[in-house]
Structures are given as C-alpha cells and as structure tokens.
PDB file of N, CA and C in Angstrom:
ATOM      1  N   UNK A   1     -19.093  12.776 -27.187  1.00  0.00           N
ATOM      2  CA  UNK A   1     -17.700  12.663 -27.538  1.00  0.00           C
ATOM      3  C   UNK A   1     -17.070  14.046 -27.710  1.00  0.00           C
ATOM      4  N   UNK A   2     -17.845  14.991 -28.256  1.00  0.00           N
ATOM      5  CA  UNK A   2     -17.329  16.343 -28.420  1.00  0.00           C
ATOM      6  C   UNK A   2     -17.025  16.985 -27.078  1.00  0.00           C
ATOM      7  N   UNK A   3     -17.848  16.668 -26.080  1.00  0.00           N
ATOM      8  CA  UNK A   3     -17.645  17.234 -24.742  1.00  0.00           C
ATOM      9  C   UNK A   3     -16.344  16.712 -24.148  1.00  0.00           C
ATOM     10  N   UNK A   4     -16.079  15.423 -24.318  1.00  0.00           N
ATOM     11  CA  UNK A   4     -14.867  14.829 -23.763  1.00  0.00           C
ATOM     12  C   UNK A   4     -13.632  15.414 -24.438  1.00  0.00           C
ATOM     13  N   UNK A   5     -13.672  15.542 -25.760  1.00  0.00           N
ATOM     14  CA  UNK A   5     -12.535  16.102 -26.488  1.00  0.00           C
ATOM     15  C   UNK A   5     -12.325  17.566 -26.098  1.00  0.00           C
ATOM     16  N   UNK A   6     -13.405  18.321 -25.993  1.00  0.00           N
ATOM     17  CA  UNK A   6     -13.295  19.721 -25.599  1.00  0.00           C
ATOM     18  C   UNK A   6     -12.757  19.876 -24.190  1.00  0.00           C
ATOM     19  N   UNK A   7     -13.247  19.050 -23.275  1.00  0.00           N
ATOM     20  CA  UNK A   7     -12.761  19.104 -21.898  1.00  0.00           C
ATOM     21  C   UNK A   7     -11.286  18.721 -21.819  1.00  0.00           C
ATOM     22  N   UNK A   8     -10.902  17.712 -22.579  1.00  0.00           N
ATOM     23  CA  UNK A   8      -9.493  17.304 -22.608  1.00  0.00           C
ATOM     24  C   UNK A   8      -8.595  18.400 -23.157  1.00  0.00           C
ATOM     25  N   UNK A   9      -9.058  19.075 -24.200  1.00  0.00           N
ATOM     26  CA  UNK A   9      -8.270  20.168 -24.778  1.00  0.00           C
ATOM     27  C   UNK A   9      -8.131  21.325 -23.790  1.00  0.00           C
ATOM     28  N   UNK A  10      -9.205  21.653 -23.113  1.00  0.00           N
ATOM     29  CA  UNK A  10      -9.160  22.760 -22.144  1.00  0.00           C
ATOM     30  C   UNK A  10      -8.238  22.418 -20.980  1.00  0.00           C
ATOM     31  N   UNK A  11      -8.359  21.206 -20.449  1.00  0.00           N
ATOM     32  CA  UNK A  11      -7.489  20.817 -19.339  1.00  0.00           C
ATOM     33  C   UNK A  11      -6.031  20.752 -19.782  1.00  0.00           C
ATOM     34  N   UNK A  12      -5.792  20.283 -20.991  1.00  0.00           N
ATOM     35  CA  UNK A  12      -4.431  20.250 -21.503  1.00  0.00           C
ATOM     36  C   UNK A  12      -3.836  21.646 -21.609  1.00  0.00           C
ATOM     37  N   UNK A  13      -4.625  22.587 -22.107  1.00  0.00           N
ATOM     38  CA  UNK A  13      -4.140  23.959 -22.217  1.00  0.00           C
ATOM     39  C   UNK A  13      -3.900  24.586 -20.855  1.00  0.00           C
ATOM     40  N   UNK A  14      -4.741  24.254 -19.886  1.00  0.00           N
ATOM     41  CA  UNK A  14      -4.565  24.813 -18.540  1.00  0.00           C
ATOM     42  C   UNK A  14      -3.264  24.337 -17.904  1.00  0.00           C
ATOM     43  N   UNK A  15      -2.826  23.140 -18.254  1.00  0.00           N
ATOM     44  CA  UNK A  15      -1.583  22.629 -17.680  1.00  0.00           C
ATOM     45  C   UNK A  15      -0.357  23.036 -18.497  1.00  0.00           C
ATOM     46  N   UNK A  16      -0.470  23.048 -19.805  1.00  0.00           N
ATOM     47  CA  UNK A  16       0.696  23.257 -20.650  1.00  0.00           C
ATOM     48  C   UNK A  16       1.066  24.732 -20.792  1.00  0.00           C
ATOM     49  N   UNK A  17       0.091  25.591 -20.984  1.00  0.00           N
ATOM     50  CA  UNK A  17       0.402  26.999 -21.254  1.00  0.00           C
ATOM     51  C   UNK A  17       1.180  27.699 -20.135  1.00  0.00           C
ATOM     52  N   UNK A  18       0.800  27.571 -18.866  1.00  0.00           N
ATOM     53  CA  UNK A  18       1.600  28.263 -17.839  1.00  0.00           C
ATOM     54  C   UNK A  18       3.037  27.762 -17.767  1.00  0.00           C
ATOM     55  N   UNK A  19       3.233  26.465 -17.923  1.00  0.00           N
ATOM     56  CA  UNK A  19       4.592  25.934 -17.859  1.00  0.00           C
ATOM     57  C   UNK A  19       5.395  26.341 -19.090  1.00  0.00           C
ATOM     58  N   UNK A  20       4.784  26.310 -20.264  1.00  0.00           N
ATOM     59  CA  UNK A  20       5.488  26.702 -21.478  1.00  0.00           C
ATOM     60  C   UNK A  20       5.827  28.191 -21.445  1.00  0.00           C
ATOM     61  N   UNK A  21       4.965  28.992 -20.853  1.00  0.00           N
ATOM     62  CA  UNK A  21       5.234  30.422 -20.744  1.00  0.00           C
ATOM     63  C   UNK A  21       6.470  30.670 -19.884  1.00  0.00           C
ATOM     64  N   UNK A  22       6.619  29.915 -18.815  1.00  0.00           N
ATOM     65  CA  UNK A  22       7.796  30.071 -17.963  1.00  0.00           C
ATOM     66  C   UNK A  22       9.068  29.668 -18.691  1.00  0.00           C
ATOM     67  N   UNK A  23       8.992  28.606 -19.446  1.00  0.00           N
ATOM     68  CA  UNK A  23      10.186  28.112 -20.136  1.00  0.00           C
ATOM     69  C   UNK A  23      10.623  29.083 -21.221  1.00  0.00           C
ATOM     70  N   UNK A  24       9.686  29.608 -22.009  1.00  0.00           N
ATOM     71  CA  UNK A  24      10.047  30.489 -23.109  1.00  0.00           C
ATOM     72  C   UNK A  24      10.346  31.921 -22.663  1.00  0.00           C
ATOM     73  N   UNK A  25       9.904  32.336 -21.509  1.00  0.00           N
ATOM     74  CA  UNK A  25      10.125  33.702 -21.042  1.00  0.00           C
ATOM     75  C   UNK A  25      11.323  33.789 -20.102  1.00  0.00           C
ATOM     76  N   UNK A  26      12.262  32.873 -20.238  1.00  0.00           N
ATOM     77  CA  UNK A  26      13.374  32.803 -19.293  1.00  0.00           C
ATOM     78  C   UNK A  26      14.242  34.059 -19.310  1.00  0.00           C
ATOM     79  N   UNK A  27      14.542  34.596 -20.462  1.00  0.00           N
ATOM     80  CA  UNK A  27      15.452  35.738 -20.520  1.00  0.00           C
ATOM     81  C   UNK A  27      14.769  37.056 -20.806  1.00  0.00           C
ATOM     82  N   UNK A  28      13.510  37.184 -20.500  1.00  0.00           N
ATOM     83  CA  UNK A  28      12.790  38.406 -20.876  1.00  0.00           C
ATOM     84  C   UNK A  28      13.115  39.591 -19.973  1.00  0.00           C
ATOM     85  N   UNK A  29      13.413  39.350 -18.715  1.00  0.00           N
ATOM     86  CA  UNK A  29      13.714  40.457 -17.810  1.00  0.00           C
ATOM     87  C   UNK A  29      15.160  40.350 -17.334  1.00  0.00           C
ATOM     88  N   UNK A  30      15.818  41.494 -17.308  1.00  0.00           N
ATOM     89  CA  UNK A  30      17.224  41.523 -16.911  1.00  0.00           C
ATOM     90  C   UNK A  30      17.342  41.253 -15.416  1.00  0.00           C
ATOM     91  N   UNK A  31      18.292  40.423 -15.045  1.00  0.00           N
ATOM     92  CA  UNK A  31      18.534  40.142 -13.639  1.00  0.00           C
ATOM     93  C   UNK A  31      17.663  39.051 -13.056  1.00  0.00           C
ATOM     94  N   UNK A  32      16.767  38.512 -13.839  1.00  0.00           N
ATOM     95  CA  UNK A  32      15.897  37.450 -13.331  1.00  0.00           C
ATOM     96  C   UNK A  32      16.253  36.146 -14.041  1.00  0.00           C
ATOM     97  N   UNK A  33      16.567  35.142 -13.267  1.00  0.00           N
ATOM     98  CA  UNK A  33      16.960  33.863 -13.833  1.00  0.00           C
ATOM     99  C   UNK A  33      15.872  32.834 -13.582  1.00  0.00           C
ATOM    100  N   UNK A  34      15.750  31.928 -14.528  1.00  0.00           N
ATOM    101  CA  UNK A  34      14.775  30.852 -14.414  1.00  0.00           C
ATOM    102  C   UNK A  34      15.514  29.534 -14.559  1.00  0.00           C
ATOM    103  N   UNK A  35      15.310  28.667 -13.623  1.00  0.00           N
ATOM    104  CA  UNK A  35      15.911  27.344 -13.709  1.00  0.00           C
ATOM    105  C   UNK A  35      15.085  26.513 -14.683  1.00  0.00           C
ATOM    106  N   UNK A  36      15.561  26.398 -15.907  1.00  0.00           N
ATOM    107  CA  UNK A  36      14.799  25.694 -16.938  1.00  0.00           C
ATOM    108  C   UNK A  36      14.619  24.225 -16.590  1.00  0.00           C
ATOM    109  N   UNK A  37      15.625  23.642 -15.972  1.00  0.00           N
ATOM    110  CA  UNK A  37      15.519  22.228 -15.611  1.00  0.00           C
ATOM    111  C   UNK A  37      14.365  22.012 -14.627  1.00  0.00           C
ATOM    112  N   UNK A  38      14.219  22.901 -13.669  1.00  0.00           N
ATOM    113  CA  UNK A  38      13.127  22.791 -12.698  1.00  0.00           C
ATOM    114  C   UNK A  38      11.778  23.030 -13.368  1.00  0.00           C
ATOM    115  N   UNK A  39      11.723  23.977 -14.299  1.00  0.00           N
ATOM    116  CA  UNK A  39      10.462  24.249 -14.996  1.00  0.00           C
ATOM    117  C   UNK A  39      10.057  23.069 -15.875  1.00  0.00           C
ATOM    118  N   UNK A  40      11.027  22.458 -16.540  1.00  0.00           N
ATOM    119  CA  UNK A  40      10.728  21.304 -17.395  1.00  0.00           C
ATOM    120  C   UNK A  40      10.294  20.122 -16.557  1.00  0.00           C
ATOM    121  N   UNK A  41      10.947  19.880 -15.425  1.00  0.00           N
ATOM    122  CA  UNK A  41      10.525  18.778 -14.558  1.00  0.00           C
ATOM    123  C   UNK A  41       9.137  19.039 -13.976  1.00  0.00           C
ATOM    124  N   UNK A  42       8.835  20.308 -13.689  1.00  0.00           N
ATOM    125  CA  UNK A  42       7.491  20.645 -13.217  1.00  0.00           C
ATOM    126  C   UNK A  42       6.440  20.352 -14.269  1.00  0.00           C
ATOM    127  N   UNK A  43       6.744  20.680 -15.529  1.00  0.00           N
ATOM    128  CA  UNK A  43       5.832  20.374 -16.628  1.00  0.00           C
ATOM    129  C   UNK A  43       5.686  18.863 -16.794  1.00  0.00           C
ATOM    130  N   UNK A  44       6.814  18.153 -16.723  1.00  0.00           N
ATOM    131  CA  UNK A  44       6.772  16.692 -16.824  1.00  0.00           C
ATOM    132  C   UNK A  44       5.911  16.107 -15.716  1.00  0.00           C
ATOM    133  N   UNK A  45       6.062  16.598 -14.505  1.00  0.00           N
ATOM    134  CA  UNK A  45       5.284  16.098 -13.375  1.00  0.00           C
ATOM    135  C   UNK A  45       3.792  16.333 -13.591  1.00  0.00           C
ATOM    136  N   UNK A  46       3.421  17.529 -14.036  1.00  0.00           N
ATOM    137  CA  UNK A  46       2.003  17.829 -14.290  1.00  0.00           C
ATOM    138  C   UNK A  46       1.427  16.935 -15.372  1.00  0.00           C
ATOM    139  N   UNK A  47       2.165  16.759 -16.455  1.00  0.00           N
ATOM    140  CA  UNK A  47       1.669  15.936 -17.549  1.00  0.00           C
ATOM    141  C   UNK A  47       1.593  14.463 -17.159  1.00  0.00           C
ATOM    142  N   UNK A  48       2.500  14.009 -16.310  1.00  0.00           N
ATOM    143  CA  UNK A  48       2.424  12.617 -15.854  1.00  0.00           C
ATOM    144  C   UNK A  48       1.207  12.403 -14.956  1.00  0.00           C
ATOM    145  N   UNK A  49       0.861  13.389 -14.158  1.00  0.00           N
ATOM    146  CA  UNK A  49      -0.353  13.287 -13.344  1.00  0.00           C
ATOM    147  C   UNK A  49      -1.568  13.178 -14.247  1.00  0.00           C
ATOM    148  N   UNK A  50      -1.617  13.995 -15.293  1.00  0.00           N
ATOM    149  CA  UNK A  50      -2.731  13.933 -16.236  1.00  0.00           C
ATOM    150  C   UNK A  50      -2.743  12.586 -16.950  1.00  0.00           C
ATOM    151  N   UNK A  51      -1.575  12.115 -17.380  1.00  0.00           N
ATOM    152  CA  UNK A  51      -1.506  10.844 -18.103  1.00  0.00           C
ATOM    153  C   UNK A  51      -1.958   9.689 -17.229  1.00  0.00           C
ATOM    154  N   UNK A  52      -1.517   9.642 -15.987  1.00  0.00           N
ATOM    155  CA  UNK A  52      -1.933   8.552 -15.102  1.00  0.00           C
ATOM    156  C   UNK A  52      -3.418   8.629 -14.785  1.00  0.00           C
ATOM    157  N   UNK A  53      -3.941   9.836 -14.642  1.00  0.00           N
ATOM    158  CA  UNK A  53      -5.371   9.981 -14.377  1.00  0.00           C
ATOM    159  C   UNK A  53      -6.190   9.497 -15.566  1.00  0.00           C
ATOM    160  N   UNK A  54      -5.811   9.921 -16.766  1.00  0.00           N
ATOM    161  CA  UNK A  54      -6.529   9.474 -17.965  1.00  0.00           C
ATOM    162  C   UNK A  54      -6.386   7.970 -18.142  1.00  0.00           C
ATOM    163  N   UNK A  55      -5.205   7.433 -17.920  1.00  0.00           N
ATOM    164  CA  UNK A  55      -4.994   5.993 -18.026  1.00  0.00           C
ATOM    165  C   UNK A  55      -5.836   5.208 -17.041  1.00  0.00           C
ATOM    166  N   UNK A  56      -5.961   5.715 -15.825  1.00  0.00           N
ATOM    167  CA  UNK A  56      -6.784   5.052 -14.818  1.00  0.00           C
ATOM    168  C   UNK A  56      -8.247   5.061 -15.216  1.00  0.00           C
ATOM    169  N   UNK A  57      -8.729   6.173 -15.717  1.00  0.00           N
ATOM    170  CA  UNK A  57     -10.132   6.264 -16.133  1.00  0.00           C
ATOM    171  C   UNK A  57     -10.402   5.333 -17.312  1.00  0.00           C
ATOM    172  N   UNK A  58      -9.507   5.315 -18.291  1.00  0.00           N
ATOM    173  CA  UNK A  58      -9.690   4.444 -19.454  1.00  0.00           C
ATOM    174  C   UNK A  58      -9.628   2.980 -19.043  1.00  0.00           C
ATOM    175  N   UNK A  59      -8.692   2.621 -18.198  1.00  0.00           N
ATOM    176  CA  UNK A  59      -8.596   1.232 -17.739  1.00  0.00           C
ATOM    177  C   UNK A  59      -9.842   0.828 -16.955  1.00  0.00           C
ATOM    178  N   UNK A  60     -10.316   1.696 -16.104  1.00  0.00           N
ATOM    179  CA  UNK A  60     -11.537   1.405 -15.357  1.00  0.00           C
ATOM    180  C   UNK A  60     -12.741   1.249 -16.276  1.00  0.00           C
ATOM    181  N   UNK A  61     -12.816   2.076 -17.301  1.00  0.00           N
ATOM    182  CA  UNK A  61     -13.910   1.969 -18.265  1.00  0.00           C
ATOM    183  C   UNK A  61     -13.849   0.649 -19.025  1.00  0.00           C
ATOM    184  N   UNK A  62     -12.655   0.228 -19.401  1.00  0.00           N
ATOM    185  CA  UNK A  62     -12.513  -1.050 -20.110  1.00  0.00           C
ATOM    186  C   UNK A  62     -12.926  -2.207 -19.211  1.00  0.00           C
ATOM    187  N   UNK A  63     -12.492  -2.191 -17.954  1.00  0.00           N
ATOM    188  CA  UNK A  63     -12.886  -3.262 -17.022  1.00  0.00           C
ATOM    189  C   UNK A  63     -14.399  -3.271 -16.840  1.00  0.00           C
ATOM    190  N   UNK A  64     -15.003  -2.100 -16.683  1.00  0.00           N
ATOM    191  CA  UNK A  64     -16.455  -2.039 -16.526  1.00  0.00           C
ATOM    192  C   UNK A  64     -17.166  -2.575 -17.763  1.00  0.00           C
ATOM    193  N   UNK A  65     -16.687  -2.209 -18.954  1.00  0.00           N
ATOM    194  CA  UNK A  65     -17.314  -2.688 -20.184  1.00  0.00           C
ATOM    195  C   UNK A  65     -17.205  -4.201 -20.317  1.00  0.00           C
ATOM    196  N   UNK A  66     -16.051  -4.747 -19.974  1.00  0.00           N
ATOM    197  CA  UNK A  66     -15.871  -6.203 -20.063  1.00  0.00           C
ATOM    198  C   UNK A  66     -16.817  -6.904 -19.096  1.00  0.00           C
ATOM    199  N   UNK A  67     -16.916  -6.403 -17.875  1.00  0.00           N
ATOM    200  CA  UNK A  67     -17.794  -7.042 -16.903  1.00  0.00           C
ATOM    201  C   UNK A  67     -19.268  -6.840 -17.249  1.00  0.00           C
ATOM    202  N   UNK A  68     -19.590  -5.688 -17.779  1.00  0.00           N
ATOM    203  CA  UNK A  68     -20.992  -5.379 -18.083  1.00  0.00           C
ATOM    204  C   UNK A  68     -21.512  -6.177 -19.271  1.00  0.00           C
ATOM    205  N   UNK A  69     -20.707  -6.353 -20.290  1.00  0.00           N
ATOM    206  CA  UNK A  69     -21.175  -6.977 -21.517  1.00  0.00           C
ATOM    207  C   UNK A  69     -20.610  -8.378 -21.751  1.00  0.00           C
ATOM    208  N   UNK A  70     -20.203  -9.052 -20.692  1.00  0.00           N
ATOM    209  CA  UNK A  70     -19.732 -10.428 -20.850  1.00  0.00           C
ATOM    210  C   UNK A  70     -20.912 -11.344 -21.139  1.00  0.00           C
ATOM    211  N   UNK A  71     -20.636 -12.497 -21.728  1.00  0.00           N
ATOM    212  CA  UNK A  71     -21.705 -13.412 -22.115  1.00  0.00           C
ATOM    213  C   UNK A  71     -22.371 -14.061 -20.908  1.00  0.00           C
ATOM    214  N   UNK A  72     -21.643 -14.235 -19.828  1.00  0.00           N
ATOM    215  CA  UNK A  72     -22.215 -14.900 -18.661  1.00  0.00           C
ATOM    216  C   UNK A  72     -23.016 -13.958 -17.761  1.00  0.00           C
ATOM    217  N   UNK A  73     -23.179 -12.720 -18.177  1.00  0.00           N
ATOM    218  CA  UNK A  73     -23.976 -11.769 -17.413  1.00  0.00           C
ATOM    219  C   UNK A  73     -25.435 -12.240 -17.412  1.00  0.00           C
ATOM    220  N   UNK A  74     -26.071 -12.347 -16.248  1.00  0.00           N
ATOM    221  CA  UNK A  74     -27.452 -12.841 -16.196  1.00  0.00           C
ATOM    222  C   UNK A  74     -28.449 -11.955 -16.952  1.00  0.00           C
ATOM    223  N   UNK A  75     -28.149 -10.684 -17.108  1.00  0.00           N
ATOM    224  CA  UNK A  75     -29.054  -9.778 -17.802  1.00  0.00           C
ATOM    225  C   UNK A  75     -28.777  -9.710 -19.309  1.00  0.00           C
ATOM    226  N   UNK A  76     -27.807 -10.474 -19.774  1.00  0.00           N
ATOM    227  CA  UNK A  76     -27.436 -10.413 -21.190  1.00  0.00           C
ATOM    228  C   UNK A  76     -28.535 -11.022 -22.054  1.00  0.00           C
ATOM    229  N   UNK A  77     -28.865 -10.333 -23.112  1.00  0.00           N
ATOM    230  CA  UNK A  77     -29.865 -10.810 -24.068  1.00  0.00           C
ATOM    231  C   UNK A  77     -29.209 -10.850 -25.440  1.00  0.00           C
ATOM    232  N   UNK A  78     -29.509 -11.852 -26.242  1.00  0.00           N
ATOM    233  CA  UNK A  78     -28.938 -11.863 -27.590  1.00  0.00           C
ATOM    234  C   UNK A  78     -29.554 -10.759 -28.445  1.00  0.00           C
ATOM    235  N   UNK A  79     -28.747 -10.223 -29.322  1.00  0.00           N
ATOM    236  CA  UNK A  79     -29.263  -9.203 -30.228  1.00  0.00           C
ATOM    237  C   UNK A  79     -30.161  -9.858 -31.263  1.00  0.00           C
ATOM    238  N   UNK A  80     -30.828  -9.038 -32.036  1.00  0.00           N
ATOM    239  CA  UNK A  80     -31.792  -9.583 -33.002  1.00  0.00           C
ATOM    240  C   UNK A  80     -31.107 -10.468 -34.039  1.00  0.00           C
ATOM    241  N   UNK A  81     -29.937 -10.075 -34.511  1.00  0.00           N
ATOM    242  CA  UNK A  81     -29.269 -10.900 -35.507  1.00  0.00           C
ATOM    243  C   UNK A  81     -28.655 -12.145 -34.886  1.00  0.00           C
ATOM    244  N   UNK A  82     -28.269 -12.114 -33.612  1.00  0.00           N
ATOM    245  CA  UNK A  82     -27.756 -13.312 -32.948  1.00  0.00           C
ATOM    246  C   UNK A  82     -28.872 -14.316 -32.706  1.00  0.00           C
ATOM    247  N   UNK A  83     -30.050 -13.831 -32.314  1.00  0.00           N
ATOM    248  CA  UNK A  83     -31.189 -14.728 -32.050  1.00  0.00           C
ATOM    249  C   UNK A  83     -31.658 -15.388 -33.352  1.00  0.00           C
ATOM    250  N   UNK A  84     -31.629 -14.625 -34.430  1.00  0.00           N
ATOM    251  CA  UNK A  84     -32.080 -15.181 -35.723  1.00  0.00           C
ATOM    252  C   UNK A  84     -31.011 -16.050 -36.360  1.00  0.00           C
ATOM    253  N   UNK A  85     -29.788 -15.937 -35.957  1.00  0.00           N
ATOM    254  CA  UNK A  85     -28.712 -16.726 -36.534  1.00  0.00           C
ATOM    255  C   UNK A  85     -28.253 -16.214 -37.867  1.00  0.00           C
ATOM    256  N   UNK A  86     -28.597 -15.030 -38.245  1.00  0.00           N
ATOM    257  CA  UNK A  86     -28.172 -14.452 -39.522  1.00  0.00           C
ATOM    258  C   UNK A  86     -27.013 -13.468 -39.278  1.00  0.00           C
ATOM    259  N   UNK A  87     -25.860 -13.861 -39.681  1.00  0.00           N
ATOM    260  CA  UNK A  87     -24.696 -13.012 -39.489  1.00  0.00           C
ATOM    261  C   UNK A  87     -24.494 -12.220 -40.734  1.00  0.00           C
TER     262      UNK A  87
END
C-alpha cells in the first residue's frame, strides 16, 4: 500500500508541478505573456487523463474482485468460521 501511495504522489507531482509553475510564473519576465486560460486547460486535461486512468484501474479491480470471490466460483472454499457455523 505504501508503494501505491508513493507512486501516486510522485506521478501527481510530475503532472501538477510543471503546470503550476507556468501559471504562477506568468509575469516574471518582461515582454513574455502566458495565456493562463490555455495553461489551466492543459492542467485540467492532464489531471482528467490521470483521473480516468485511476478510475479505470479501480473499476477493473472491483470487477475482478467480484468475479474472483463470488460464491458460485468453483474454487471457492468456506472459511474456517463459515464451515463451523460460528459467527
């Protein structure tokens, strides 16, 4: 779990920091203009790609878990407390 959280944090920083740097550094150099609307839409686009990718992976994992651990699975075995009937 630590690996997943760490990887998510690193990927998030790789996407957010360059875009945020462009947005906040708009007026740092004289004569250079930055279209903030384009930079914000670029950031939105990158984050939506990440969100859809994470959503797809999570949805796929949920479907796999449901299919893997359903009761009608031929390889399913009752746990020790289910077999003994002691809840």
